[in-house]
């Protein structure tokens, strides 16, 4: 990806209108190149028929943790949001 970024920058250097914005221009090229790379990458792994029960237990634990966290914050909310 890095090599592609520098090749694109080298090829399009004459199109750079403001040399003071070189850093932002390179960043934009890098960002677009990374997005292109991951857009082209095909996901071939299939999900299993059934998700293991460990995942369900973790989700339940996360839910309980979130509920406890919210209970600690709710008393500090303004009345209209607390309801």
PDB file of N, CA and C in Angstrom:
ATOM      1  N   UNK A   1       0.840  -1.198   0.000  1.00  0.00           N
ATOM      2  CA  UNK A   1       0.000   0.000   0.000  1.00  0.00           C
ATOM      3  C   UNK A   1       0.879   1.253   0.000  1.00  0.00           C
ATOM      4  N   UNK A   2       1.932   1.235   0.807  1.00  0.00           N
ATOM      5  CA  UNK A   2       2.835   2.399   0.881  1.00  0.00           C
ATOM      6  C   UNK A   2       3.474   2.639  -0.476  1.00  0.00           C
ATOM      7  N   UNK A   3       3.904   1.564  -1.112  1.00  0.00           N
ATOM      8  CA  UNK A   3       4.519   1.704  -2.425  1.00  0.00           C
ATOM      9  C   UNK A   3       3.525   2.303  -3.418  1.00  0.00           C
ATOM     10  N   UNK A   4       2.294   1.857  -3.378  1.00  0.00           N
ATOM     11  CA  UNK A   4       1.263   2.381  -4.280  1.00  0.00           C
ATOM     12  C   UNK A   4       1.031   3.861  -4.024  1.00  0.00           C
ATOM     13  N   UNK A   5       1.014   4.253  -2.746  1.00  0.00           N
ATOM     14  CA  UNK A   5       0.816   5.667  -2.403  1.00  0.00           C
ATOM     15  C   UNK A   5       1.914   6.523  -3.022  1.00  0.00           C
ATOM     16  N   UNK A   6       3.166   6.097  -2.855  1.00  0.00           N
ATOM     17  CA  UNK A   6       4.268   6.905  -3.380  1.00  0.00           C
ATOM     18  C   UNK A   6       4.311   6.896  -4.909  1.00  0.00           C
ATOM     19  N   UNK A   7       3.909   5.792  -5.519  1.00  0.00           N
ATOM     20  CA  UNK A   7       3.859   5.760  -6.987  1.00  0.00           C
ATOM     21  C   UNK A   7       2.785   6.726  -7.503  1.00  0.00           C
ATOM     22  N   UNK A   8       1.619   6.725  -6.853  1.00  0.00           N
ATOM     23  CA  UNK A   8       0.552   7.657  -7.252  1.00  0.00           C
ATOM     24  C   UNK A   8       0.993   9.104  -7.046  1.00  0.00           C
ATOM     25  N   UNK A   9       1.636   9.363  -5.919  1.00  0.00           N
ATOM     26  CA  UNK A   9       2.095  10.727  -5.635  1.00  0.00           C
ATOM     27  C   UNK A   9       3.128  11.166  -6.675  1.00  0.00           C
ATOM     28  N   UNK A  10       4.046  10.290  -7.001  1.00  0.00           N
ATOM     29  CA  UNK A  10       5.076  10.616  -7.987  1.00  0.00           C
ATOM     30  C   UNK A  10       4.453  10.897  -9.349  1.00  0.00           C
ATOM     31  N   UNK A  11       3.509  10.027  -9.740  1.00  0.00           N
ATOM     32  CA  UNK A  11       2.863  10.199 -11.052  1.00  0.00           C
ATOM     33  C   UNK A  11       2.046  11.483 -11.128  1.00  0.00           C
ATOM     34  N   UNK A  12       1.421  11.860 -10.017  1.00  0.00           N
ATOM     35  CA  UNK A  12       0.509  13.009 -10.034  1.00  0.00           C
ATOM     36  C   UNK A  12       1.119  14.276  -9.429  1.00  0.00           C
ATOM     37  N   UNK A  13       2.402  14.250  -9.150  1.00  0.00           N
ATOM     38  CA  UNK A  13       3.068  15.413  -8.571  1.00  0.00           C
ATOM     39  C   UNK A  13       2.873  16.687  -9.405  1.00  0.00           C
ATOM     40  N   UNK A  14       2.906  16.608 -10.737  1.00  0.00           N
ATOM     41  CA  UNK A  14       2.675  17.833 -11.514  1.00  0.00           C
ATOM     42  C   UNK A  14       1.279  18.440 -11.304  1.00  0.00           C
ATOM     43  N   UNK A  15       0.342  17.641 -10.801  1.00  0.00           N
ATOM     44  CA  UNK A  15      -1.018  18.138 -10.573  1.00  0.00           C
ATOM     45  C   UNK A  15      -1.160  18.864  -9.232  1.00  0.00           C
ATOM     46  N   UNK A  16      -0.146  18.783  -8.374  1.00  0.00           N
ATOM     47  CA  UNK A  16      -0.195  19.459  -7.077  1.00  0.00           C
ATOM     48  C   UNK A  16      -0.198  20.962  -7.317  1.00  0.00           C
ATOM     49  N   UNK A  17      -1.278  21.618  -6.888  1.00  0.00           N
ATOM     50  CA  UNK A  17      -1.440  23.038  -7.176  1.00  0.00           C
ATOM     51  C   UNK A  17      -0.776  23.936  -6.137  1.00  0.00           C
ATOM     52  N   UNK A  18      -0.794  23.493  -4.868  1.00  0.00           N
ATOM     53  CA  UNK A  18      -0.238  24.310  -3.795  1.00  0.00           C
ATOM     54  C   UNK A  18       0.816  23.503  -3.033  1.00  0.00           C
ATOM     55  N   UNK A  19       2.102  23.760  -3.279  1.00  0.00           N
ATOM     56  CA  UNK A  19       3.166  22.992  -2.613  1.00  0.00           C
ATOM     57  C   UNK A  19       3.116  23.071  -1.081  1.00  0.00           C
ATOM     58  N   UNK A  20       2.498  24.116  -0.534  1.00  0.00           N
ATOM     59  CA  UNK A  20       2.367  24.232   0.920  1.00  0.00           C
ATOM     60  C   UNK A  20       1.420  23.176   1.492  1.00  0.00           C
ATOM     61  N   UNK A  21       0.592  22.610   0.634  1.00  0.00           N
ATOM     62  CA  UNK A  21      -0.379  21.607   1.084  1.00  0.00           C
ATOM     63  C   UNK A  21       0.053  20.184   0.705  1.00  0.00           C
ATOM     64  N   UNK A  22       1.343  19.987   0.534  1.00  0.00           N
ATOM     65  CA  UNK A  22       1.877  18.683   0.148  1.00  0.00           C
ATOM     66  C   UNK A  22       1.487  17.594   1.148  1.00  0.00           C
ATOM     67  N   UNK A  23       1.614  17.912   2.423  1.00  0.00           N
ATOM     68  CA  UNK A  23       1.302  16.918   3.461  1.00  0.00           C
ATOM     69  C   UNK A  23      -0.164  16.477   3.386  1.00  0.00           C
ATOM     70  N   UNK A  24      -1.089  17.410   3.266  1.00  0.00           N
ATOM     71  CA  UNK A  24      -2.514  17.082   3.171  1.00  0.00           C
ATOM     72  C   UNK A  24      -2.803  16.313   1.885  1.00  0.00           C
ATOM     73  N   UNK A  25      -2.145  16.687   0.819  1.00  0.00           N
ATOM     74  CA  UNK A  25      -2.317  16.020  -0.474  1.00  0.00           C
ATOM     75  C   UNK A  25      -1.864  14.561  -0.380  1.00  0.00           C
ATOM     76  N   UNK A  26      -0.698  14.323   0.231  1.00  0.00           N
ATOM     77  CA  UNK A  26      -0.203  12.961   0.421  1.00  0.00           C
ATOM     78  C   UNK A  26      -1.126  12.158   1.332  1.00  0.00           C
ATOM     79  N   UNK A  27      -1.622  12.786   2.374  1.00  0.00           N
ATOM     80  CA  UNK A  27      -2.546  12.115   3.283  1.00  0.00           C
ATOM     81  C   UNK A  27      -3.799  11.665   2.537  1.00  0.00           C
ATOM     82  N   UNK A  28      -4.330  12.516   1.688  1.00  0.00           N
ATOM     83  CA  UNK A  28      -5.536  12.190   0.916  1.00  0.00           C
ATOM     84  C   UNK A  28      -5.268  11.016  -0.021  1.00  0.00           C
ATOM     85  N   UNK A  29      -4.120  11.015  -0.667  1.00  0.00           N
ATOM     86  CA  UNK A  29      -3.759   9.902  -1.551  1.00  0.00           C
ATOM     87  C   UNK A  29      -3.664   8.611  -0.743  1.00  0.00           C
ATOM     88  N   UNK A  30      -3.023   8.672   0.424  1.00  0.00           N
ATOM     89  CA  UNK A  30      -2.870   7.487   1.274  1.00  0.00           C
ATOM     90  C   UNK A  30      -4.227   6.974   1.746  1.00  0.00           C
ATOM     91  N   UNK A  31      -5.075   7.880   2.176  1.00  0.00           N
ATOM     92  CA  UNK A  31      -6.405   7.494   2.663  1.00  0.00           C
ATOM     93  C   UNK A  31      -7.207   6.812   1.568  1.00  0.00           C
ATOM     94  N   UNK A  32      -7.190   7.377   0.384  1.00  0.00           N
ATOM     95  CA  UNK A  32      -7.930   6.795  -0.736  1.00  0.00           C
ATOM     96  C   UNK A  32      -7.352   5.443  -1.148  1.00  0.00           C
ATOM     97  N   UNK A  33      -6.033   5.311  -1.106  1.00  0.00           N
ATOM     98  CA  UNK A  33      -5.388   4.056  -1.492  1.00  0.00           C
ATOM     99  C   UNK A  33      -5.734   2.947  -0.507  1.00  0.00           C
ATOM    100  N   UNK A  34      -5.730   3.257   0.777  1.00  0.00           N
ATOM    101  CA  UNK A  34      -6.105   2.260   1.782  1.00  0.00           C
ATOM    102  C   UNK A  34      -7.569   1.850   1.591  1.00  0.00           C
ATOM    103  N   UNK A  35      -8.441   2.814   1.372  1.00  0.00           N
ATOM    104  CA  UNK A  35      -9.857   2.497   1.151  1.00  0.00           C
ATOM    105  C   UNK A  35     -10.024   1.621  -0.082  1.00  0.00           C
ATOM    106  N   UNK A  36      -9.318   1.942  -1.153  1.00  0.00           N
ATOM    107  CA  UNK A  36      -9.385   1.132  -2.371  1.00  0.00           C
ATOM    108  C   UNK A  36      -8.906  -0.289  -2.112  1.00  0.00           C
ATOM    109  N   UNK A  37      -7.827  -0.416  -1.364  1.00  0.00           N
ATOM    110  CA  UNK A  37      -7.265  -1.730  -1.069  1.00  0.00           C
ATOM    111  C   UNK A  37      -8.283  -2.620  -0.352  1.00  0.00           C
ATOM    112  N   UNK A  38      -8.906  -2.091   0.683  1.00  0.00           N
ATOM    113  CA  UNK A  38      -9.839  -2.903   1.454  1.00  0.00           C
ATOM    114  C   UNK A  38     -11.179  -3.073   0.748  1.00  0.00           C
ATOM    115  N   UNK A  39     -11.518  -2.178  -0.144  1.00  0.00           N
ATOM    116  CA  UNK A  39     -12.751  -2.327  -0.914  1.00  0.00           C
ATOM    117  C   UNK A  39     -12.611  -3.482  -1.901  1.00  0.00           C
ATOM    118  N   UNK A  40     -11.423  -3.642  -2.474  1.00  0.00           N
ATOM    119  CA  UNK A  40     -11.179  -4.693  -3.454  1.00  0.00           C
ATOM    120  C   UNK A  40     -11.045  -6.064  -2.814  1.00  0.00           C
ATOM    121  N   UNK A  41     -10.607  -6.092  -1.554  1.00  0.00           N
ATOM    122  CA  UNK A  41     -10.368  -7.367  -0.871  1.00  0.00           C
ATOM    123  C   UNK A  41     -11.700  -8.092  -0.658  1.00  0.00           C
ATOM    124  N   UNK A  42     -11.773  -9.317  -1.141  1.00  0.00           N
ATOM    125  CA  UNK A  42     -12.994 -10.109  -1.025  1.00  0.00           C
ATOM    126  C   UNK A  42     -12.970 -10.921   0.261  1.00  0.00           C
ATOM    127  N   UNK A  43     -14.086 -10.949   0.927  1.00  0.00           N
ATOM    128  CA  UNK A  43     -14.221 -11.774   2.127  1.00  0.00           C
ATOM    129  C   UNK A  43     -14.721 -13.148   1.689  1.00  0.00           C
ATOM    130  N   UNK A  44     -13.910 -14.158   1.908  1.00  0.00           N
ATOM    131  CA  UNK A  44     -14.260 -15.499   1.471  1.00  0.00           C
ATOM    132  C   UNK A  44     -14.647 -16.419   2.626  1.00  0.00           C
ATOM    133  N   UNK A  45     -14.377 -16.002   3.847  1.00  0.00           N
ATOM    134  CA  UNK A  45     -14.710 -16.838   4.990  1.00  0.00           C
ATOM    135  C   UNK A  45     -16.215 -16.830   5.220  1.00  0.00           C
ATOM    136  N   UNK A  46     -16.770 -18.014   5.417  1.00  0.00           N
ATOM    137  CA  UNK A  46     -18.188 -18.116   5.700  1.00  0.00           C
ATOM    138  C   UNK A  46     -18.391 -18.180   7.201  1.00  0.00           C
ATOM    139  N   UNK A  47     -19.489 -17.633   7.648  1.00  0.00           N
ATOM    140  CA  UNK A  47     -19.809 -17.696   9.061  1.00  0.00           C
ATOM    141  C   UNK A  47     -20.300 -19.098   9.398  1.00  0.00           C
ATOM    142  N   UNK A  48     -20.019 -19.567  10.604  1.00  0.00           N
ATOM    143  CA  UNK A  48     -20.501 -20.893  10.986  1.00  0.00           C
ATOM    144  C   UNK A  48     -22.022 -20.908  11.088  1.00  0.00           C
ATOM    145  N   UNK A  49     -22.578 -22.112  10.961  1.00  0.00           N
ATOM    146  CA  UNK A  49     -24.037 -22.262  11.048  1.00  0.00           C
ATOM    147  C   UNK A  49     -24.560 -21.726  12.375  1.00  0.00           C
ATOM    148  N   UNK A  50     -23.844 -22.076  13.441  1.00  0.00           N
ATOM    149  CA  UNK A  50     -24.292 -21.672  14.762  1.00  0.00           C
ATOM    150  C   UNK A  50     -23.124 -21.010  15.497  1.00  0.00           C
ATOM    151  N   UNK A  51     -23.383 -19.870  16.065  1.00  0.00           N
ATOM    152  CA  UNK A  51     -22.346 -19.169  16.810  1.00  0.00           C
ATOM    153  C   UNK A  51     -22.184 -19.872  18.150  1.00  0.00           C
ATOM    154  N   UNK A  52     -20.972 -20.129  18.577  1.00  0.00           N
ATOM    155  CA  UNK A  52     -20.747 -20.835  19.843  1.00  0.00           C
ATOM    156  C   UNK A  52     -21.406 -20.120  21.022  1.00  0.00           C
ATOM    157  N   UNK A  53     -21.812 -20.885  22.009  1.00  0.00           N
ATOM    158  CA  UNK A  53     -22.509 -20.329  23.167  1.00  0.00           C
ATOM    159  C   UNK A  53     -21.629 -19.380  23.970  1.00  0.00           C
ATOM    160  N   UNK A  54     -20.313 -19.499  23.852  1.00  0.00           N
ATOM    161  CA  UNK A  54     -19.405 -18.597  24.556  1.00  0.00           C
ATOM    162  C   UNK A  54     -19.681 -17.162  24.139  1.00  0.00           C
ATOM    163  N   UNK A  55     -19.972 -16.971  22.858  1.00  0.00           N
ATOM    164  CA  UNK A  55     -20.273 -15.624  22.359  1.00  0.00           C
ATOM    165  C   UNK A  55     -21.536 -15.082  23.026  1.00  0.00           C
ATOM    166  N   UNK A  56     -22.541 -15.927  23.214  1.00  0.00           N
ATOM    167  CA  UNK A  56     -23.783 -15.489  23.844  1.00  0.00           C
ATOM    168  C   UNK A  56     -23.537 -15.093  25.298  1.00  0.00           C
ATOM    169  N   UNK A  57     -22.695 -15.861  25.995  1.00  0.00           N
ATOM    170  CA  UNK A  57     -22.378 -15.542  27.381  1.00  0.00           C
ATOM    171  C   UNK A  57     -21.634 -14.219  27.472  1.00  0.00           C
ATOM    172  N   UNK A  58     -20.697 -13.992  26.550  1.00  0.00           N
ATOM    173  CA  UNK A  58     -19.957 -12.731  26.552  1.00  0.00           C
ATOM    174  C   UNK A  58     -20.890 -11.568  26.284  1.00  0.00           C
ATOM    175  N   UNK A  59     -21.836 -11.756  25.366  1.00  0.00           N
ATOM    176  CA  UNK A  59     -22.796 -10.692  25.055  1.00  0.00           C
ATOM    177  C   UNK A  59     -23.646 -10.378  26.281  1.00  0.00           C
ATOM    178  N   UNK A  60     -24.062 -11.408  26.999  1.00  0.00           N
ATOM    179  CA  UNK A  60     -24.854 -11.207  28.208  1.00  0.00           C
ATOM    180  C   UNK A  60     -24.038 -10.470  29.264  1.00  0.00           C
ATOM    181  N   UNK A  61     -22.766 -10.848  29.428  1.00  0.00           N
ATOM    182  CA  UNK A  61     -21.894 -10.164  30.380  1.00  0.00           C
ATOM    183  C   UNK A  61     -21.737  -8.695  30.004  1.00  0.00           C
ATOM    184  N   UNK A  62     -21.552  -8.428  28.714  1.00  0.00           N
ATOM    185  CA  UNK A  62     -21.408  -7.043  28.248  1.00  0.00           C
ATOM    186  C   UNK A  62     -22.674  -6.252  28.493  1.00  0.00           C
ATOM    187  N   UNK A  63     -23.817  -6.888  28.296  1.00  0.00           N
ATOM    188  CA  UNK A  63     -25.099  -6.216  28.524  1.00  0.00           C
ATOM    189  C   UNK A  63     -25.238  -5.845  29.996  1.00  0.00           C
ATOM    190  N   UNK A  64     -24.920  -6.779  30.881  1.00  0.00           N
ATOM    191  CA  UNK A  64     -25.014  -6.509  32.315  1.00  0.00           C
ATOM    192  C   UNK A  64     -24.052  -5.394  32.731  1.00  0.00           C
ATOM    193  N   UNK A  65     -22.875  -5.406  32.153  1.00  0.00           N
ATOM    194  CA  UNK A  65     -21.891  -4.359  32.463  1.00  0.00           C
ATOM    195  C   UNK A  65     -22.402  -2.998  31.998  1.00  0.00           C
ATOM    196  N   UNK A  66     -23.010  -2.951  30.826  1.00  0.00           N
ATOM    197  CA  UNK A  66     -23.557  -1.698  30.303  1.00  0.00           C
ATOM    198  C   UNK A  66     -24.701  -1.198  31.186  1.00  0.00           C
ATOM    199  N   UNK A  67     -25.546  -2.119  31.628  1.00  0.00           N
ATOM    200  CA  UNK A  67     -26.669  -1.730  32.487  1.00  0.00           C
ATOM    201  C   UNK A  67     -26.156  -1.147  33.803  1.00  0.00           C
ATOM    202  N   UNK A  68     -25.161  -1.796  34.399  1.00  0.00           N
ATOM    203  CA  UNK A  68     -24.584  -1.292  35.651  1.00  0.00           C
ATOM    204  C   UNK A  68     -23.962   0.094  35.448  1.00  0.00           C
ATOM    205  N   UNK A  69     -23.293   0.263  34.336  1.00  0.00           N
ATOM    206  CA  UNK A  69     -22.684   1.559  34.037  1.00  0.00           C
ATOM    207  C   UNK A  69     -23.724   2.658  33.888  1.00  0.00           C
ATOM    208  N   UNK A  70     -24.829   2.331  33.227  1.00  0.00           N
ATOM    209  CA  UNK A  70     -25.884   3.331  33.038  1.00  0.00           C
ATOM    210  C   UNK A  70     -26.563   3.669  34.356  1.00  0.00           C
ATOM    211  N   UNK A  71     -26.752   2.672  35.228  1.00  0.00           N
ATOM    212  CA  UNK A  71     -27.381   2.933  36.521  1.00  0.00           C
ATOM    213  C   UNK A  71     -26.553   3.917  37.342  1.00  0.00           C
ATOM    214  N   UNK A  72     -25.243   3.888  37.177  1.00  0.00           N
ATOM    215  CA  UNK A  72     -24.386   4.809  37.902  1.00  0.00           C
ATOM    216  C   UNK A  72     -24.441   6.227  37.366  1.00  0.00           C
ATOM    217  N   UNK A  73     -24.823   6.385  36.108  1.00  0.00           N
ATOM    218  CA  UNK A  73     -24.836   7.700  35.462  1.00  0.00           C
ATOM    219  C   UNK A  73     -26.212   8.349  35.529  1.00  0.00           C
ATOM    220  N   UNK A  74     -27.252   7.561  35.538  1.00  0.00           N
ATOM    221  CA  UNK A  74     -28.627   8.076  35.458  1.00  0.00           C
ATOM    222  C   UNK A  74     -28.934   9.127  36.529  1.00  0.00           C
ATOM    223  N   UNK A  75     -28.543   8.948  37.782  1.00  0.00           N
ATOM    224  CA  UNK A  75     -28.875   9.972  38.786  1.00  0.00           C
ATOM    225  C   UNK A  75     -28.306  11.357  38.480  1.00  0.00           C
ATOM    226  N   UNK A  76     -27.286  11.437  37.657  1.00  0.00           N
ATOM    227  CA  UNK A  76     -26.653  12.724  37.355  1.00  0.00           C
ATOM    228  C   UNK A  76     -27.258  13.420  36.136  1.00  0.00           C
ATOM    229  N   UNK A  77     -28.183  12.760  35.466  1.00  0.00           N
ATOM    230  CA  UNK A  77     -28.798  13.340  34.275  1.00  0.00           C
ATOM    231  C   UNK A  77     -29.863  14.352  34.662  1.00  0.00           C
ATOM    232  N   UNK A  78     -30.135  15.338  33.801  1.00  0.00           N
ATOM    233  CA  UNK A  78     -31.255  16.250  34.049  1.00  0.00           C
ATOM    234  C   UNK A  78     -32.567  15.457  34.081  1.00  0.00           C
ATOM    235  N   UNK A  79     -33.566  16.007  34.740  1.00  0.00           N
ATOM    236  CA  UNK A  79     -34.839  15.298  34.939  1.00  0.00           C
ATOM    237  C   UNK A  79     -35.430  14.768  33.641  1.00  0.00           C
ATOM    238  N   UNK A  80     -35.456  15.593  32.588  1.00  0.00           N
ATOM    239  CA  UNK A  80     -36.109  15.158  31.347  1.00  0.00           C
ATOM    240  C   UNK A  80     -35.407  13.960  30.718  1.00  0.00           C
ATOM    241  N   UNK A  81     -34.089  13.817  30.906  1.00  0.00           N
ATOM    242  CA  UNK A  81     -33.371  12.688  30.360  1.00  0.00           C
ATOM    243  C   UNK A  81     -33.398  11.491  31.299  1.00  0.00           C
ATOM    244  N   UNK A  82     -33.490  11.743  32.576  1.00  0.00           N
ATOM    245  CA  UNK A  82     -33.502  10.674  33.562  1.00  0.00           C
ATOM    246  C   UNK A  82     -34.742   9.797  33.400  1.00  0.00           C
ATOM    247  N   UNK A  83     -35.873  10.396  33.054  1.00  0.00           N
ATOM    248  CA  UNK A  83     -37.105   9.627  32.857  1.00  0.00           C
ATOM    249  C   UNK A  83     -36.934   8.666  31.704  1.00  0.00           C
TER     250      UNK A  83
END
